[in-house]
């Protein structure tokens, strides 16, 4: 199931909305419409909810600008951005993993909060110039007070929240960049992740103690931080295990292939014997497709005797070369949602790279202390 969809592009970067965004947006609109400092005192509930919805949209627009701050620095640093996705806890910029350079990571991490601070300063400054009040605002004195002053204040809160020293927030990356100047990158990640998990534990405990006063949100955010820190730690260990490795170091060279005219029943027998879940399809020595267990599973069992491989195989292949960077190959595999990549050299199939090859390499790297 597709969990996000593209709405437009900026700098050729697809801007997407995650399904969770459609859940959180009405919640923010409801909160703004029913909170005293926003629109709770307006007599018209329709107007209150309408203004609450508009303020929620502007808030997420500020989050998008925050993410574009990260993306701008990334692009200037030669790092590709595949998309920006707005979701339940804000925004996420999907970018190629930067080199383990603490200076670049520091700039990347600080760019987003800096954008939020600038937006906050501009809006609060505009409040002063217009003679408006600073937050907190009361009732319906001036709706524009909320849209300028409060929105400015919210951007300061957004910057402060993101600078908390815990992954996956920007502050966790700032902390890692600081530590990486004094110790190995993986060790810096472990320490930063540990601090993030400790912070998440404390926030979760606070949530349990105040469960009747909005503590549920603290628990939810704590879970987000804890799992984010764990995933960042795991991803860094994986990249460390694959550092300086290329596809030829991991791939399986003894490739079992099938013929496009072979029936699916025959392939099932090969799967039972060889225990591999996918096979390249060769016609007169040339790679023409790839067939997987799932391709066969989608065909009813009684139809498999009279269905050939070429009828169900994947023809639009994603391939790599033997000299291709191993971590980049793993990223390509994940982005495209495939479990194996044919390895091609001079138009000839020389091997196949599967997820199990990566698992083996990572486990052996851990065993050997790489």
Protein backbone atom coordinates (compact mmCIF):
# COMPACT_ATOMS: atom_id res chain seq x y z
CA UNK A 1 0.00 0.00 0.00
CA UNK A 2 1.31 3.42 -0.95
CA UNK A 3 1.75 5.45 2.26
CA UNK A 4 2.66 8.83 0.74
CA UNK A 5 1.82 10.79 -2.37
CA UNK A 6 3.50 13.64 -4.22
CA UNK A 7 1.84 17.08 -4.23
CA UNK A 8 4.45 19.25 -5.99
CA UNK A 9 8.20 19.81 -6.48
CA UNK A 10 10.69 22.40 -5.22
CA UNK A 11 14.23 22.46 -6.67
CA UNK A 12 13.24 19.24 -8.46
CA UNK A 13 12.69 17.64 -5.02
CA UNK A 14 9.32 15.81 -4.75
CA UNK A 15 7.28 17.12 -1.82
CA UNK A 16 5.09 14.33 -0.43
CA UNK A 17 2.33 13.96 2.13
CA UNK A 18 2.33 10.85 4.30
CA UNK A 19 -1.03 9.33 5.22
CA UNK A 20 -0.33 10.14 8.87
CA UNK A 21 -0.33 13.84 7.90
CA UNK A 22 -4.02 13.53 7.04
CA UNK A 23 -4.58 12.34 10.61
CA UNK A 24 -2.51 14.94 12.44
CA UNK A 25 -3.70 17.99 10.45
CA UNK A 26 -7.33 17.82 11.72
CA UNK A 27 -6.01 17.22 15.25
CA UNK A 28 -3.92 20.41 15.09
CA UNK A 29 -6.90 22.28 13.64
CA UNK A 30 -9.07 21.05 16.53
CA UNK A 31 -6.43 22.04 19.12
CA UNK A 32 -6.05 25.55 17.67
CA UNK A 33 -9.84 25.99 17.45
CA UNK A 34 -10.42 24.95 21.08
CA UNK A 35 -7.41 26.47 22.86
CA UNK A 36 -7.88 29.73 24.76
CA UNK A 37 -4.76 31.38 23.37
CA UNK A 38 -5.93 30.74 19.81
CA UNK A 39 -9.57 30.70 18.65
CA UNK A 40 -11.57 29.13 21.51
CA UNK A 41 -13.37 32.37 22.38
CA UNK A 42 -14.72 33.01 18.89
CA UNK A 43 -18.50 32.78 18.90
CA UNK A 44 -18.68 31.09 15.53
CA UNK A 45 -17.37 27.53 15.80
CA UNK A 46 -17.23 27.34 12.01
CA UNK A 47 -14.90 30.34 11.94
CA UNK A 48 -12.82 28.91 14.81
CA UNK A 49 -12.31 25.57 13.05
CA UNK A 50 -11.66 27.28 9.72
CA UNK A 51 -8.99 29.53 11.23
CA UNK A 52 -7.59 26.58 13.20
CA UNK A 53 -7.26 24.59 9.99
CA UNK A 54 -5.57 27.52 8.22
CA UNK A 55 -3.12 27.97 11.11
CA UNK A 56 -2.36 24.22 11.05
CA UNK A 57 -1.59 24.41 7.32
CA UNK A 58 0.70 27.42 7.87
CA UNK A 59 2.43 25.54 10.68
CA UNK A 60 3.21 22.59 8.40
CA UNK A 61 4.31 25.03 5.69
CA UNK A 62 6.88 26.30 8.22
CA UNK A 63 7.96 22.68 8.79
CA UNK A 64 8.41 22.32 5.02
CA UNK A 65 10.61 25.45 4.99
CA UNK A 66 12.58 23.92 7.88
CA UNK A 67 13.21 20.79 5.80
CA UNK A 68 14.10 22.86 2.74
CA UNK A 69 16.80 24.45 4.89
CA UNK A 70 18.36 21.01 5.35
CA UNK A 71 17.90 20.23 1.66
CA UNK A 72 19.54 23.46 0.49
CA UNK A 73 22.71 22.76 2.48
CA UNK A 74 22.66 19.12 1.36
CA UNK A 75 22.44 20.08 -2.31
CA UNK A 76 25.25 22.61 -1.87
CA UNK A 77 27.32 19.82 -0.29
CA UNK A 78 26.71 17.51 -3.27
CA UNK A 79 24.19 15.28 -1.47
CA UNK A 80 21.16 14.19 -3.49
CA UNK A 81 17.67 14.63 -2.02
CA UNK A 82 15.13 12.08 -3.21
CA UNK A 83 12.09 13.62 -1.46
CA UNK A 84 10.68 15.60 1.47
CA UNK A 85 7.73 13.98 3.25
CA UNK A 86 5.38 15.73 5.70
CA UNK A 87 4.06 13.31 8.32
CA UNK A 88 2.64 13.02 11.81
CA UNK A 89 5.75 14.25 13.64
CA UNK A 90 6.76 16.90 11.13
CA UNK A 91 8.92 16.51 8.06
CA UNK A 92 11.61 14.12 6.83
CA UNK A 93 14.17 14.84 4.11
CA UNK A 94 15.21 11.63 2.35
CA UNK A 95 18.78 12.12 1.24
CA UNK A 96 21.78 10.05 0.28
CA UNK A 97 23.87 9.26 3.32
CA UNK A 98 26.53 11.99 3.65
CA UNK A 99 30.15 11.09 4.14
CA UNK A 100 31.19 10.72 7.76
CA UNK A 101 32.24 14.37 7.86
CA UNK A 102 31.32 16.05 11.15
CA UNK A 103 31.57 19.56 9.64
CA UNK A 104 29.06 18.76 6.89
CA UNK A 105 26.73 16.99 9.32
CA UNK A 106 26.85 19.97 11.69
CA UNK A 107 25.86 22.36 8.88
CA UNK A 108 23.12 20.01 7.70
CA UNK A 109 21.69 19.60 11.19
CA UNK A 110 21.71 23.31 12.06
CA UNK A 111 20.27 24.53 8.75
CA UNK A 112 16.67 23.52 9.56
CA UNK A 113 16.48 25.08 13.05
CA UNK A 114 18.19 28.20 11.68
CA UNK A 115 15.40 28.59 9.10
CA UNK A 116 12.79 28.20 11.87
CA UNK A 117 14.53 30.84 14.01
CA UNK A 118 14.67 33.26 11.07
CA UNK A 119 10.95 32.75 10.36
CA UNK A 120 10.22 33.31 14.05
CA UNK A 121 12.29 36.52 14.15
CA UNK A 122 10.64 37.88 11.01
CA UNK A 123 7.11 37.21 12.31
CA UNK A 124 7.76 38.48 15.84
CA UNK A 125 9.55 41.52 14.37
CA UNK A 126 6.52 42.17 12.18
CA UNK A 127 4.36 41.99 15.32
CA UNK A 128 6.42 44.77 16.90
CA UNK A 129 6.31 46.92 13.76
CA UNK A 130 2.52 46.57 13.54
CA UNK A 131 2.10 47.22 17.26
CA UNK A 132 0.59 43.80 17.83
CA UNK A 133 0.77 41.90 21.07
CA UNK A 134 3.23 39.14 21.83
CA UNK A 135 2.00 35.70 22.82
CA UNK A 136 0.14 34.55 24.74
CA UNK A 137 -2.88 36.17 23.06
CA UNK A 138 -6.34 36.35 24.54
CA UNK A 139 -9.57 35.52 22.80
CA UNK A 140 -10.55 37.30 19.62
CA UNK A 141 -8.82 40.65 20.21
CA UNK A 142 -7.10 40.46 16.84
CA UNK A 143 -7.03 37.31 14.72
CA UNK A 144 -3.95 38.60 12.95
CA UNK A 145 -2.13 38.54 16.31
CA UNK A 146 -2.35 34.77 16.20
CA UNK A 147 -1.30 34.39 12.58
CA UNK A 148 1.77 36.61 12.97
CA UNK A 149 2.84 36.57 16.61
CA UNK A 150 1.84 33.05 17.61
CA UNK A 151 3.11 31.53 14.39
CA UNK A 152 6.43 33.24 15.04
CA UNK A 153 6.48 31.87 18.58
CA UNK A 154 5.64 28.37 17.29
CA UNK A 155 8.67 28.50 14.99
CA UNK A 156 10.91 29.19 17.98
CA UNK A 157 9.37 26.16 19.71
CA UNK A 158 9.93 24.11 16.54
CA UNK A 159 13.60 25.10 16.45
CA UNK A 160 14.04 24.35 20.16
CA UNK A 161 12.33 20.96 19.91
CA UNK A 162 14.49 19.95 16.95
CA UNK A 163 17.65 20.91 18.82
CA UNK A 164 16.98 18.44 21.63
CA UNK A 165 20.12 16.22 21.81
CA UNK A 166 18.34 13.06 20.66
CA UNK A 167 17.99 11.22 17.36
CA UNK A 168 16.16 11.56 15.06
CA UNK A 169 15.97 15.28 15.84
CA UNK A 170 18.57 17.68 14.48
CA UNK A 171 20.06 18.07 17.94
CA UNK A 172 21.05 14.39 17.93
CA UNK A 173 23.03 14.95 14.74
CA UNK A 174 24.61 18.09 16.16
CA UNK A 175 25.66 16.08 19.21
CA UNK A 176 27.10 13.29 17.03
CA UNK A 177 28.99 15.80 14.88
CA UNK A 178 30.45 17.33 18.07
CA UNK A 179 31.45 13.93 19.48
CA UNK A 180 32.80 12.72 16.11
CA UNK A 181 35.51 15.37 16.29
CA UNK A 182 36.81 13.59 19.41
CA UNK A 183 36.17 9.88 18.73
CA UNK A 184 35.38 7.41 15.91
CA UNK A 185 32.12 8.08 14.06
CA UNK A 186 30.41 4.82 15.09
CA UNK A 187 31.33 5.36 18.74
CA UNK A 188 29.99 8.93 18.51
CA UNK A 189 26.74 7.56 17.08
CA UNK A 190 26.42 5.02 19.90
CA UNK A 191 26.93 7.70 22.55
CA UNK A 192 24.50 10.12 20.89
CA UNK A 193 21.93 7.33 20.46
CA UNK A 194 22.37 6.35 24.12
CA UNK A 195 21.70 9.92 25.23
CA UNK A 196 18.64 9.99 22.96
CA UNK A 197 17.28 6.76 24.46
CA UNK A 198 17.82 8.06 27.99
CA UNK A 199 15.99 11.26 27.09
CA UNK A 200 13.15 9.21 25.58
CA UNK A 201 12.91 7.09 28.74
CA UNK A 202 12.66 10.23 30.90
CA UNK A 203 10.04 11.78 28.63
CA UNK A 204 8.04 8.53 28.60
CA UNK A 205 8.14 8.36 32.41
CA UNK A 206 6.90 11.95 32.58
CA UNK A 207 4.10 10.96 30.22
CA UNK A 208 3.01 8.07 32.46
CA UNK A 209 3.04 10.33 35.51
CA UNK A 210 0.85 12.90 33.74
CA UNK A 211 -1.30 10.58 31.66
CA UNK A 212 -4.43 12.60 32.44
CA UNK A 213 -2.88 15.94 31.44
CA UNK A 214 -1.73 15.20 27.92
CA UNK A 215 0.85 12.62 28.96
CA UNK A 216 -0.17 10.42 26.03
CA UNK A 217 1.59 12.83 23.67
CA UNK A 218 4.78 12.64 25.74
CA UNK A 219 4.66 8.84 25.52
CA UNK A 220 4.10 9.00 21.77
CA UNK A 221 7.00 11.41 21.24
CA UNK A 222 9.21 9.34 23.56
CA UNK A 223 8.52 6.24 21.46
CA UNK A 224 9.33 8.18 18.30
CA UNK A 225 12.65 9.35 19.77
CA UNK A 226 13.61 5.93 21.17
CA UNK A 227 12.98 4.05 17.93
CA UNK A 228 14.54 6.85 15.89
CA UNK A 229 17.73 6.66 17.97
CA UNK A 230 17.80 2.87 17.66
CA UNK A 231 17.36 2.98 13.87
CA UNK A 232 20.09 5.61 13.46
CA UNK A 233 22.48 3.51 15.55
CA UNK A 234 21.68 0.40 13.50
CA UNK A 235 22.01 2.24 10.17
CA UNK A 236 25.41 3.64 11.16
CA UNK A 237 26.68 0.21 12.17
CA UNK A 238 25.54 -1.17 8.83
CA UNK A 239 27.30 1.59 6.90
CA UNK A 240 30.40 0.97 9.02
CA UNK A 241 30.34 -2.76 8.25
CA UNK A 242 30.02 -1.99 4.52
CA UNK A 243 32.61 0.79 4.46
CA UNK A 244 35.20 0.45 1.67
CA UNK A 245 33.39 -2.61 0.29
CA UNK A 246 32.10 -3.00 -3.25
CA UNK A 247 29.51 -5.34 -4.75
CA UNK A 248 32.11 -7.94 -5.82
CA UNK A 249 33.10 -8.37 -2.14
CA UNK A 250 29.57 -9.48 -1.24
CA UNK A 251 27.90 -10.96 -4.30
CA UNK A 252 27.27 -14.62 -5.01
CA UNK A 253 29.24 -15.58 -8.11
CA UNK A 254 27.76 -19.05 -8.69
CA UNK A 255 24.45 -17.94 -10.13
CA UNK A 256 21.62 -20.38 -10.76
CA UNK A 257 19.59 -19.14 -13.72
CA UNK A 258 16.40 -20.28 -15.42
CA UNK A 259 15.18 -20.28 -19.02
CA UNK A 260 12.29 -17.99 -20.10
CA UNK A 261 10.46 -20.98 -21.62
CA UNK A 262 10.58 -22.97 -18.39
CA UNK A 263 7.25 -23.55 -16.64
CA UNK A 264 6.59 -22.11 -13.21
CA UNK A 265 6.18 -25.63 -11.82
CA UNK A 266 9.76 -26.39 -12.87
CA UNK A 267 10.98 -23.24 -11.15
CA UNK A 268 9.13 -24.27 -7.98
CA UNK A 269 11.13 -27.51 -8.00
CA UNK A 270 14.37 -25.52 -8.31
CA UNK A 271 13.31 -23.28 -5.40
CA UNK A 272 12.61 -26.35 -3.23
CA UNK A 273 16.01 -27.81 -4.06
CA UNK A 274 18.23 -24.71 -4.04
CA UNK A 275 16.31 -22.69 -1.41
CA UNK A 276 16.87 -19.35 -3.22
CA UNK A 277 13.89 -17.03 -3.55
CA UNK A 278 14.80 -15.39 -6.87
CA UNK A 279 16.58 -16.33 -10.11
CA UNK A 280 17.89 -14.39 -13.12
CA UNK A 281 16.37 -15.40 -16.45
CA UNK A 282 18.89 -15.97 -19.26
CA UNK A 283 18.13 -16.39 -22.95
CA UNK A 284 21.15 -17.51 -25.01
CA UNK A 285 23.41 -16.22 -22.25
CA UNK A 286 21.78 -12.78 -22.12
CA UNK A 287 19.95 -11.50 -19.03
CA UNK A 288 16.32 -10.84 -19.97
CA UNK A 289 14.54 -10.84 -16.65
CA UNK A 290 14.29 -11.88 -13.03
CA UNK A 291 11.73 -14.21 -11.44
CA UNK A 292 11.02 -14.42 -7.72
CA UNK A 293 9.01 -16.62 -5.38
CA UNK A 294 6.40 -13.85 -5.14
CA UNK A 295 5.97 -13.77 -8.93
CA UNK A 296 5.15 -17.47 -8.86
CA UNK A 297 3.00 -17.22 -5.75
CA UNK A 298 0.70 -14.75 -7.54
CA UNK A 299 -0.17 -17.46 -10.09
CA UNK A 300 -2.74 -20.12 -8.99
CA UNK A 301 -1.11 -23.52 -8.49
CA UNK A 302 -3.23 -25.23 -11.15
CA UNK A 303 -2.04 -22.66 -13.73
CA UNK A 304 1.70 -23.05 -13.09
CA UNK A 305 2.24 -26.03 -15.42
CA UNK A 306 1.06 -24.07 -18.44
CA UNK A 307 2.54 -20.68 -17.44
CA UNK A 308 6.06 -19.88 -18.62
CA UNK A 309 8.68 -17.85 -16.80
CA UNK A 310 8.66 -15.13 -19.47
CA UNK A 311 4.97 -14.47 -18.81
CA UNK A 312 5.47 -13.38 -15.19
CA UNK A 313 9.14 -12.41 -14.86
CA UNK A 314 10.25 -8.85 -14.12
CA UNK A 315 11.70 -7.33 -17.27
CA UNK A 316 12.47 -3.83 -15.98
CA UNK A 317 15.66 -4.76 -14.14
CA UNK A 318 17.69 -2.77 -11.66
CA UNK A 319 21.32 -3.83 -11.89
CA UNK A 320 24.73 -2.95 -10.44
CA UNK A 321 28.33 -3.50 -11.52
CA UNK A 322 30.96 -5.44 -9.52
CA UNK A 323 32.76 -2.19 -8.63
CA UNK A 324 29.59 -0.46 -7.36
CA UNK A 325 29.76 0.73 -3.74
CA UNK A 326 28.18 -1.87 -1.43
CA UNK A 327 26.32 0.62 0.77
CA UNK A 328 24.96 2.42 -2.30
CA UNK A 329 23.78 -0.96 -3.63
CA UNK A 330 21.92 -1.60 -0.36
CA UNK A 331 20.34 1.86 -0.61
CA UNK A 332 19.29 1.19 -4.20
CA UNK A 333 17.79 -2.13 -3.14
CA UNK A 334 15.78 -0.49 -0.33
CA UNK A 335 14.58 2.46 -2.42
CA UNK A 336 13.29 0.18 -5.15
CA UNK A 337 11.83 -2.43 -2.80
CA UNK A 338 13.69 -5.36 -4.35
CA UNK A 339 15.38 -8.30 -2.66
CA UNK A 340 18.20 -8.95 -5.14
CA UNK A 341 20.24 -7.15 -7.79
CA UNK A 342 21.82 -8.80 -10.85
CA UNK A 343 25.50 -7.88 -11.17
CA UNK A 344 26.48 -7.00 -14.74
CA UNK A 345 29.96 -6.54 -16.23
CA UNK A 346 30.42 -5.84 -19.94
CA UNK A 347 26.74 -6.80 -20.55
CA UNK A 348 27.36 -10.24 -18.97
CA UNK A 349 25.82 -11.55 -15.75
CA UNK A 350 28.70 -12.15 -13.32
CA UNK A 351 26.82 -12.56 -10.04
CA UNK A 352 23.77 -11.73 -7.97
CA UNK A 353 23.52 -9.63 -4.83
CA UNK A 354 20.76 -10.44 -2.33
CA UNK A 355 19.71 -9.14 1.08
CA UNK A 356 21.16 -12.30 2.65
CA UNK A 357 24.58 -11.35 1.23
CA UNK A 358 24.37 -8.05 3.11
CA UNK A 359 23.24 -9.80 6.29
CA UNK A 360 26.22 -12.17 6.09
CA UNK A 361 28.67 -9.30 5.48
CA UNK A 362 27.29 -7.27 8.39
CA UNK A 363 27.37 -10.26 10.78
CA UNK A 364 30.93 -11.17 9.78
CA UNK A 365 31.96 -7.53 10.11
CA UNK A 366 30.61 -7.54 13.66
CA UNK A 367 32.40 -10.82 14.42
CA UNK A 368 35.72 -9.53 13.09
CA UNK A 369 35.30 -6.10 14.65
CA UNK A 370 35.21 -4.28 11.32
